[in-house]
Amino acid sequence: MPVEVELHVVASLLRRGRSLDQLSTGLTLLSLAFGLIQLLITGAQPFLLILAVSGVILGLLEKYYAMRVAFDADLFHVIASDPQWPTDRTAALDDALIKIGLQPVDKAGRAWSVRSQGALRLLRQQLLFLAIQLLVLLSAVV
């Protein structure tokens, strides 16, 4: 498979992280509302309060990964759209990412297939935090 096609596929998969983030945002707000309603209407029950706070914290962790995935999705889309990127401008991209602190120096010069695997790993992490958040919220409801 040509590098450009692989990069387009990865960019498309990474854009799905936006849907995951929207679902997590809803769950985070629901967890927050659940915790506040519990405090206002009923007496504070520690177990349910811990579940509500955990849901919010997991939502914030998911949001962190969502921002990283969205950045990678945009980056991979730009790179895949310009056929000269993977060969000519990778070193310039690495220098820019190192300068602004988004990439350690030892990760410069990696192949695009390795970069793709790293970006997809971030997407899996995002999905994992969403799944745990959903389980925490469901356990609070049940």
Foldseek 3Di string as FASTA:
>chain_A
DDPLVVLLVLLVVLVCLVVLLVLLVVLLVVLVVQLVCCVPPHPDDPVLNVLSVLLNVLSVVLVVLNVVSNVSSVVSVVQSVDVCNQPPCQQVVLVVCVVVVNDPPVPRPDHVVVVSVVSVVSSVVSVVSSVVSVVSVVVSVD
